[in-house]
């Protein structure tokens, strides 16, 4: 999580860039100044899928290889159909 306080900055913003290695799942919760960030992700041959939950007031981005998808406060469903290099 990072704080963007420069020009155009909106305060805190999350960036989820999972690198699971040999893990098949990640279930985690981490505190931020805005509240808890929760991950419930499964990694398979077709890429990650699951849910990322962000607290109110904390937008973010999910990064998988070169792909980025915006995240909004609340529950975000993640489903990437291919490997991170696609």
Protein backbone atom coordinates (compact mmCIF):
# COMPACT_ATOMS: atom_id res chain seq x y z
CA UNK A 1 0.00 0.00 0.00
CA UNK A 2 1.27 3.45 -0.76
CA UNK A 3 0.22 7.02 -0.13
CA UNK A 4 -0.05 9.34 -3.13
CA UNK A 5 0.03 12.83 -1.65
CA UNK A 6 1.53 14.69 -4.61
CA UNK A 7 -0.39 16.69 -7.21
CA UNK A 8 -3.50 14.77 -8.17
CA UNK A 9 -2.92 12.34 -5.33
CA UNK A 10 -6.02 11.01 -3.67
CA UNK A 11 -4.44 9.70 -0.48
CA UNK A 12 -3.90 5.99 0.13
CA UNK A 13 -4.01 3.54 -2.77
CA UNK A 14 -3.43 -0.22 -2.82
CA UNK A 15 -1.40 -2.27 -5.27
CA UNK A 16 -1.70 -6.06 -5.16
CA UNK A 17 1.11 -7.71 -7.15
CA UNK A 18 1.00 -11.39 -6.20
CA UNK A 19 3.96 -13.58 -7.00
CA UNK A 20 2.80 -16.91 -5.60
CA UNK A 21 5.75 -19.03 -6.74
CA UNK A 22 4.72 -22.64 -6.10
CA UNK A 23 1.74 -21.69 -3.91
CA UNK A 24 -1.65 -22.76 -5.19
CA UNK A 25 -3.63 -20.40 -2.92
CA UNK A 26 -3.16 -17.22 -0.94
CA UNK A 27 -5.62 -16.39 1.82
CA UNK A 28 -4.41 -13.34 3.73
CA UNK A 29 -5.52 -10.25 5.59
CA UNK A 30 -3.34 -7.19 6.14
CA UNK A 31 -4.10 -3.95 7.96
CA UNK A 32 -3.82 -0.53 6.33
CA UNK A 33 -4.59 2.94 7.67
CA UNK A 34 -8.00 2.65 5.93
CA UNK A 35 -8.90 -0.82 7.20
CA UNK A 36 -8.25 -4.46 6.28
CA UNK A 37 -7.24 -5.71 2.83
CA UNK A 38 -8.31 -9.33 2.28
CA UNK A 39 -7.07 -11.75 -0.36
CA UNK A 40 -8.60 -15.11 -1.23
CA UNK A 41 -6.85 -16.15 -4.44
CA UNK A 42 -6.22 -19.45 -6.23
CA UNK A 43 -3.47 -19.80 -8.82
CA UNK A 44 -3.78 -22.35 -11.59
CA UNK A 45 -2.60 -22.92 -15.13
CA UNK A 46 -5.11 -20.33 -16.31
CA UNK A 47 -3.90 -17.65 -13.89
CA UNK A 48 -5.29 -16.20 -10.68
CA UNK A 49 -8.91 -16.16 -9.67
CA UNK A 50 -10.68 -15.30 -6.46
CA UNK A 51 -11.58 -12.20 -4.47
CA UNK A 52 -9.70 -9.12 -3.27
CA UNK A 53 -11.58 -7.01 -0.72
CA UNK A 54 -10.51 -3.43 -0.06
CA UNK A 55 -11.73 -1.17 2.74
CA UNK A 56 -13.86 1.92 2.11
CA UNK A 57 -11.75 4.79 0.79
CA UNK A 58 -8.94 2.57 -0.55
CA UNK A 59 -8.97 2.04 -4.33
CA UNK A 60 -6.21 -0.06 -5.84
CA UNK A 61 -4.77 -2.10 -8.67
CA UNK A 62 -4.27 -5.84 -9.11
CA UNK A 63 -1.09 -6.58 -11.07
CA UNK A 64 -0.46 -9.93 -12.78
CA UNK A 65 2.65 -9.82 -14.94
CA UNK A 66 2.19 -6.93 -17.36
CA UNK A 67 -1.58 -6.84 -16.81
CA UNK A 68 -3.26 -4.40 -14.46
CA UNK A 69 -6.88 -4.24 -13.39
CA UNK A 70 -8.39 -1.51 -11.23
CA UNK A 71 -9.80 -2.40 -7.81
CA UNK A 72 -12.54 -0.49 -6.00
CA UNK A 73 -13.36 -0.42 -2.30
CA UNK A 74 -15.39 -3.51 -1.43
CA UNK A 75 -15.29 -6.96 -3.04
CA UNK A 76 -13.43 -7.35 -6.35
CA UNK A 77 -13.64 -10.62 -8.30
CA UNK A 78 -10.37 -11.57 -9.99
CA UNK A 79 -10.26 -13.92 -12.99
CA UNK A 80 -7.40 -13.87 -15.48
CA UNK A 81 -7.70 -16.37 -18.32
CA UNK A 82 -4.02 -16.63 -19.24
CA UNK A 83 -0.48 -16.51 -17.89
CA UNK A 84 0.99 -13.19 -16.65
CA UNK A 85 3.01 -12.68 -19.83
CA UNK A 86 -0.14 -12.55 -21.98
